C-alpha atoms as a PDB file:
ATOM      1  CA  MET A   1      80.618  88.839 121.225  1.00  0.00           C
ATOM      2  CA  ARG A   2      80.093  92.414 122.329  1.00  0.00           C
ATOM      3  CA  LEU A   3      82.845  95.037 122.611  1.00  0.00           C
ATOM      4  CA  GLY A   4      82.943  97.468 125.523  1.00  0.00           C
ATOM      5  CA  ALA A   5      82.104 101.131 124.926  1.00  0.00           C
ATOM      6  CA  ASP A   6      85.753 102.233 125.183  1.00  0.00           C
ATOM      7  CA  VAL A   7      87.234  99.443 123.051  1.00  0.00           C
ATOM      8  CA  ARG A   8      88.746 100.679 119.777  1.00  0.00           C
ATOM      9  CA  PRO A   9      89.769  97.688 117.622  1.00  0.00           C
ATOM     10  CA  GLY A  10      92.294  97.753 114.807  1.00  0.00           C
ATOM     11  CA  LEU A  11      93.166  94.957 112.359  1.00  0.00           C
ATOM     12  CA  LEU A  12      96.583  93.823 111.165  1.00  0.00           C
ATOM     13  CA  ALA A  13      95.589  91.699 108.175  1.00  0.00           C
ATOM     14  CA  GLN A  14      97.771  88.799 107.078  1.00  0.00           C
ATOM     15  CA  ASP A  15      98.127  90.230 103.575  1.00  0.00           C
ATOM     16  CA  GLN A  16      98.927  93.804 104.758  1.00  0.00           C
ATOM     17  CA  GLY A  17      96.539  94.971 102.063  1.00  0.00           C
ATOM     18  CA  GLY A  18      95.921  98.315 103.754  1.00  0.00           C
ATOM     19  CA  LEU A  19      99.406  99.636 102.952  1.00  0.00           C
ATOM     20  CA  ASP A  20      99.943 101.624  99.764  1.00  0.00           C
ATOM     21  CA  PRO A  21     103.172 100.258  98.216  1.00  0.00           C
ATOM     22  CA  ASP A  22     104.000 103.661  96.705  1.00  0.00           C
ATOM     23  CA  ARG A  23     103.792 105.601  99.991  1.00  0.00           C
ATOM     24  CA  SER A  24     106.602 105.787 102.523  1.00  0.00           C
ATOM     25  CA  PRO A  25     105.923 105.139 106.205  1.00  0.00           C
ATOM     26  CA  VAL A  26     105.963 108.908 106.856  1.00  0.00           C
ATOM     27  CA  GLU A  27     103.472 109.475 104.011  1.00  0.00           C
ATOM     28  CA  THR A  28     101.336 106.617 105.331  1.00  0.00           C
ATOM     29  CA  LEU A  29     101.121 108.069 108.856  1.00  0.00           C
ATOM     30  CA  ARG A  30     100.812 111.762 107.892  1.00  0.00           C
ATOM     31  CA  PRO A  31      97.010 111.729 107.245  1.00  0.00           C
ATOM     32  CA  LEU A  32      96.430 109.788 110.477  1.00  0.00           C
ATOM     33  CA  ALA A  33      98.334 112.030 112.867  1.00  0.00           C
ATOM     34  CA  ALA A  34      98.266 115.833 112.825  1.00  0.00           C
ATOM     35  CA  VAL A  35     101.875 116.200 113.975  1.00  0.00           C
ATOM     36  CA  GLU A  36     105.208 117.377 112.573  1.00  0.00           C
ATOM     37  CA  GLU A  37     107.383 114.982 110.585  1.00  0.00           C
ATOM     38  CA  ALA A  38     109.839 114.663 113.489  1.00  0.00           C
ATOM     39  CA  GLU A  39     107.006 113.271 115.629  1.00  0.00           C
ATOM     40  CA  LEU A  40     105.984 110.891 112.832  1.00  0.00           C
ATOM     41  CA  ARG A  41     109.563 109.612 112.688  1.00  0.00           C
ATOM     42  CA  ARG A  42     109.530 109.216 116.497  1.00  0.00           C
ATOM     43  CA  ILE A  43     106.356 107.099 116.239  1.00  0.00           C
ATOM     44  CA  LEU A  44     107.975 105.010 113.487  1.00  0.00           C
ATOM     45  CA  HIS A  45     111.170 104.633 115.535  1.00  0.00           C
ATOM     46  CA  HIS A  46     109.021 103.248 118.372  1.00  0.00           C
ATOM     47  CA  TYR A  47     108.090 100.477 115.895  1.00  0.00           C
ATOM     48  CA  LEU A  48     111.766  99.975 114.994  1.00  0.00           C
ATOM     49  CA  ILE A  49     111.523 101.678 111.591  1.00  0.00           C
ATOM     50  CA  THR A  50     114.785 103.539 110.950  1.00  0.00           C
ATOM     51  CA  ALA A  51     115.140 107.086 109.610  1.00  0.00           C
ATOM     52  CA  ALA A  52     116.148 105.702 106.189  1.00  0.00           C
ATOM     53  CA  GLU A  53     113.197 103.301 106.103  1.00  0.00           C
ATOM     54  CA  ALA A  54     110.816 106.124 107.071  1.00  0.00           C
ATOM     55  CA  HIS A  55     111.158 107.575 103.549  1.00  0.00           C
ATOM     56  CA  THR A  56     111.295 104.289 101.602  1.00  0.00           C
ATOM     57  CA  PRO A  57     108.146 103.300  99.682  1.00  0.00           C
ATOM     58  CA  ALA A  58     106.326 100.513 101.542  1.00  0.00           C
ATOM     59  CA  GLY A  59     106.562  98.273  98.491  1.00  0.00           C
ATOM     60  CA  ARG A  60     110.360  98.277  98.842  1.00  0.00           C
ATOM     61  CA  LEU A  61     110.328  97.402 102.563  1.00  0.00           C
ATOM     62  CA  SER A  62     110.748  93.830 103.771  1.00  0.00           C
ATOM     63  CA  TYR A  63     107.710  91.896 104.972  1.00  0.00           C
ATOM     64  CA  GLY A  64     108.876  92.422 108.572  1.00  0.00           C
ATOM     65  CA  GLN A  65     109.273  96.175 108.071  1.00  0.00           C
ATOM     66  CA  ARG A  66     105.790  96.340 106.545  1.00  0.00           C
ATOM     67  CA  ALA A  67     104.384  94.328 109.485  1.00  0.00           C
ATOM     68  CA  ARG A  68     105.868  96.876 111.920  1.00  0.00           C
ATOM     69  CA  LEU A  69     104.544  99.728 109.747  1.00  0.00           C
ATOM     70  CA  ALA A  70     101.074  98.160 109.848  1.00  0.00           C
ATOM     71  CA  LEU A  71     101.320  98.129 113.670  1.00  0.00           C
ATOM     72  CA  ALA A  72     102.475 101.752 113.652  1.00  0.00           C
ATOM     73  CA  VAL A  73      99.452 102.754 111.548  1.00  0.00           C
ATOM     74  CA  LEU A  74      97.192 101.571 114.372  1.00  0.00           C
ATOM     75  CA  ALA A  75      98.872 103.830 116.973  1.00  0.00           C
ATOM     76  CA  PRO A  76      97.548 107.269 115.917  1.00  0.00           C
ATOM     77  CA  GLN A  77      94.068 105.788 115.523  1.00  0.00           C
ATOM     78  CA  GLY A  78      93.807 105.237 119.288  1.00  0.00           C
ATOM     79  CA  VAL A  79      93.470 101.472 118.885  1.00  0.00           C
ATOM     80  CA  ASN A  80      93.467  99.638 122.224  1.00  0.00           C
ATOM     81  CA  LEU A  81      92.528  96.178 120.880  1.00  0.00           C
ATOM     82  CA  ARG A  82      94.774  94.822 118.151  1.00  0.00           C
ATOM     83  CA  LEU A  83      93.431  91.988 116.027  1.00  0.00           C
ATOM     84  CA  LEU A  84      96.346  90.207 114.360  1.00  0.00           C
ATOM     85  CA  ASP A  85      95.906  87.601 111.626  1.00  0.00           C
ATOM     86  CA  GLU A  86      98.960  85.293 111.411  1.00  0.00           C
ATOM     87  CA  PRO A  87     101.363  88.163 112.200  1.00  0.00           C
ATOM     88  CA  THR A  88     104.569  86.105 112.151  1.00  0.00           C
ATOM     89  CA  ASN A  89     104.034  84.441 108.763  1.00  0.00           C
ATOM     90  CA  HIS A  90     106.941  85.023 106.367  1.00  0.00           C
ATOM     91  CA  LEU A  91     109.161  86.735 108.956  1.00  0.00           C
ATOM     92  CA  ASP A  92     112.833  85.831 109.184  1.00  0.00           C
ATOM     93  CA  ILE A  93     114.369  85.698 112.675  1.00  0.00           C
ATOM     94  CA  PRO A  94     115.612  89.340 112.810  1.00  0.00           C
ATOM     95  CA  SER A  95     112.255  90.625 111.482  1.00  0.00           C
ATOM     96  CA  ARG A  96     110.400  88.418 113.933  1.00  0.00           C
ATOM     97  CA  GLU A  97     112.455  89.687 116.882  1.00  0.00           C
ATOM     98  CA  ALA A  98     111.880  93.312 115.851  1.00  0.00           C
ATOM     99  CA  PHE A  99     108.153  92.666 115.375  1.00  0.00           C
ATOM    100  CA  GLU A 100     107.898  90.980 118.791  1.00  0.00           C
ATOM    101  CA  GLU A 101     109.758  93.878 120.420  1.00  0.00           C
ATOM    102  CA  ALA A 102     107.417  96.416 118.798  1.00  0.00           C
ATOM    103  CA  LEU A 103     104.355  94.386 119.776  1.00  0.00           C
ATOM    104  CA  GLY A 104     105.668  94.011 123.331  1.00  0.00           C
ATOM    105  CA  ARG A 105     105.555  97.797 123.771  1.00  0.00           C
ATOM    106  CA  PHE A 106     101.809  97.969 123.108  1.00  0.00           C
ATOM    107  CA  PRO A 107      99.878  98.801 126.320  1.00  0.00           C
ATOM    108  CA  GLY A 108      96.500  97.442 125.158  1.00  0.00           C
ATOM    109  CA  THR A 109      95.045  94.011 124.416  1.00  0.00           C
ATOM    110  CA  VAL A 110      96.026  91.819 121.483  1.00  0.00           C
ATOM    111  CA  LEU A 111      93.903  89.049 119.940  1.00  0.00           C
ATOM    112  CA  VAL A 112      95.914  86.845 117.596  1.00  0.00           C
ATOM    113  CA  VAL A 113      95.000  84.110 115.158  1.00  0.00           C
ATOM    114  CA  SER A 114      98.160  82.063 114.847  1.00  0.00           C
ATOM    115  CA  HIS A 115      99.453  78.575 114.134  1.00  0.00           C
ATOM    116  CA  ASP A 116     102.882  79.651 115.410  1.00  0.00           C
ATOM    117  CA  ARG A 117     103.304  77.772 118.681  1.00  0.00           C
ATOM    118  CA  TYR A 118     106.566  79.545 119.575  1.00  0.00           C
ATOM    119  CA  PHE A 119     104.942  82.962 119.213  1.00  0.00           C
ATOM    120  CA  VAL A 120     101.905  81.912 121.243  1.00  0.00           C
ATOM    121  CA  GLU A 121     104.053  80.403 124.013  1.00  0.00           C
ATOM    122  CA  ALA A 122     106.174  83.555 124.143  1.00  0.00           C
ATOM    123  CA  PHE A 123     103.289  86.059 124.258  1.00  0.00           C
ATOM    124  CA  ALA A 124      99.983  84.481 125.253  1.00  0.00           C
ATOM    125  CA  ASP A 125      98.476  84.585 128.703  1.00  0.00           C
ATOM    126  CA  ARG A 126      95.475  82.605 127.505  1.00  0.00           C
ATOM    127  CA  THR A 127      94.642  80.475 124.471  1.00  0.00           C
ATOM    128  CA  LEU A 128      91.392  79.621 122.788  1.00  0.00           C
ATOM    129  CA  VAL A 129      91.034  76.755 120.343  1.00  0.00           C
ATOM    130  CA  VAL A 130      88.520  77.302 117.553  1.00  0.00           C
ATOM    131  CA  ALA A 131      87.468  74.002 115.954  1.00  0.00           C
ATOM    132  CA  GLY A 132      84.268  72.361 114.770  1.00  0.00           C
ATOM    133  CA  GLY A 133      82.169  75.469 115.312  1.00  0.00           C
ATOM    134  CA  THR A 134      83.149  75.742 118.982  1.00  0.00           C
ATOM    135  CA  VAL A 135      85.589  77.756 121.061  1.00  0.00           C
ATOM    136  CA  ARG A 136      87.434  76.125 123.962  1.00  0.00           C
ATOM    137  CA  ASP A 137      89.670  77.760 126.559  1.00  0.00           C
ATOM    138  CA  VAL A 138      92.872  75.692 126.638  1.00  0.00           C
ATOM    139  CA  PRO A 139      95.650  76.012 129.233  1.00  0.00           C
ATOM    140  CA  LEU A 140      98.936  77.235 127.778  1.00  0.00           C
ATOM    141  CA  ARG A 141     100.678  74.056 128.935  1.00  0.00           C
ATOM    142  CA  ALA A 142      98.428  72.142 126.519  1.00  0.00           C
ATOM    143  CA  TRP A 143     100.388  73.746 123.668  1.00  0.00           C
ATOM    144  CA  ARG A 144     103.327  71.542 124.603  1.00  0.00           C
ATOM    145  CA  ARG A 145     101.436  68.282 124.050  1.00  0.00           C
ATOM    146  CA  PRO A 146      99.442  67.157 121.012  1.00  0.00           C
ATOM    147  CA  LEU A 147      95.822  68.256 120.911  1.00  0.00           C
ATOM    148  CA  SER A 148      92.980  66.522 119.119  1.00  0.00           C
ATOM    149  CA  ALA A 149      92.541  69.703 117.061  1.00  0.00           C
ATOM    150  CA  PRO A 150      95.510  72.043 116.539  1.00  0.00           C
ATOM    151  CA  PRO A 151      95.177  75.422 118.307  1.00  0.00           C
ATOM    152  CA  ARG A 152      93.966  78.098 115.944  1.00  0.00           C
ATOM    153  CA  GLY A 153      94.020  81.302 117.992  1.00  0.00           C
ATOM    154  CA  ALA A 154      95.161  83.085 121.078  1.00  0.00           C
ATOM    155  CA  ILE A 155      94.130  86.002 123.222  1.00  0.00           C
ATOM    156  CA  ILE A 156      97.271  87.891 124.037  1.00  0.00           C
ATOM    157  CA  PRO A 157      97.210  90.826 126.481  1.00  0.00           C
ATOM    158  CA  ALA A 158     100.163  93.155 125.988  1.00  0.00           C
ATOM    159  CA  PRO A 159     103.220  91.569 127.569  1.00  0.00           C
ATOM    160  CA  GLN A 160     105.153  93.343 130.288  1.00  0.00           C
ATOM    161  CA  ALA A 161     108.683  94.536 129.589  1.00  0.00           C
ATOM    162  CA  ARG A 162     111.018  91.555 129.664  1.00  0.00           C
ATOM    163  CA  PRO A 163     114.450  91.500 131.240  1.00  0.00           C
ATOM    164  CA  GLY A 164     117.238  90.723 128.836  1.00  0.00           C
ATOM    165  CA  GLY A 165     116.319  93.209 126.114  1.00  0.00           C
ATOM    166  CA  ARG A 166     115.466  92.560 122.476  1.00  0.00           C
ATOM    167  CA  GLY A 167     114.093  89.158 121.667  1.00  0.00           C
ATOM    168  CA  SER A 168     113.877  88.025 125.291  1.00  0.00           C
ATOM    169  CA  SER A 169     111.126  85.607 126.061  1.00  0.00           C
ATOM    170  CA  PRO A 170     110.356  82.920 128.593  1.00  0.00           C
ATOM    171  CA  ARG A 171     112.005  80.414 126.210  1.00  0.00           C
ATOM    172  CA  GLY A 172     115.189  82.373 125.571  1.00  0.00           C
ATOM    173  CA  GLY A 173     114.107  84.563 122.644  1.00  0.00           C
ATOM    174  CA  ARG A 174     114.635  82.231 119.699  1.00  0.00           C
ATOM    175  CA  PRO A 175     112.536  79.485 118.173  1.00  0.00           C
ATOM    176  CA  PRO A 176     114.081  76.020 118.177  1.00  0.00           C
ATOM    177  CA  PRO A 177     116.090  75.230 115.046  1.00  0.00           C
ATOM    178  CA  CYS A 178     114.182  73.537 112.229  1.00  0.00           C
END
């Protein structure tokens, strides 16, 4: 695989290990963006991090809030290719909806490794199955029927704005009940 000259990748790791638990979201973004605090809070608000959360140490934020913070950290770095490793793991429904809304605002390309079929169906334009040392392009409709090897990844270009507001998706915005 070769990246284009203008591609600037950024990783959202499954373990969110890049976040300092003692630093607030504002303190986390400050060294990355040479702007006033009001602008930092505006960036954080874009990722659905409230004014109160902006000054809360990352270690005290929920997993969903930290996932959105990790996305926000990529913004001032000029990232136009987001690499996301199991981004919806451990998210409750409200956190998941907020994360999906924040991700839906991203104008670049997103490559996701996910076992979350709902998330892939809601966001993916194309899926790739990685199994047995090979990569196969699989139509999205194949996600609705059993595969010989479960899908293990998806290429997800940034989705367009969806009618219906927060949590809207082609399947109504909510995963089926468990």
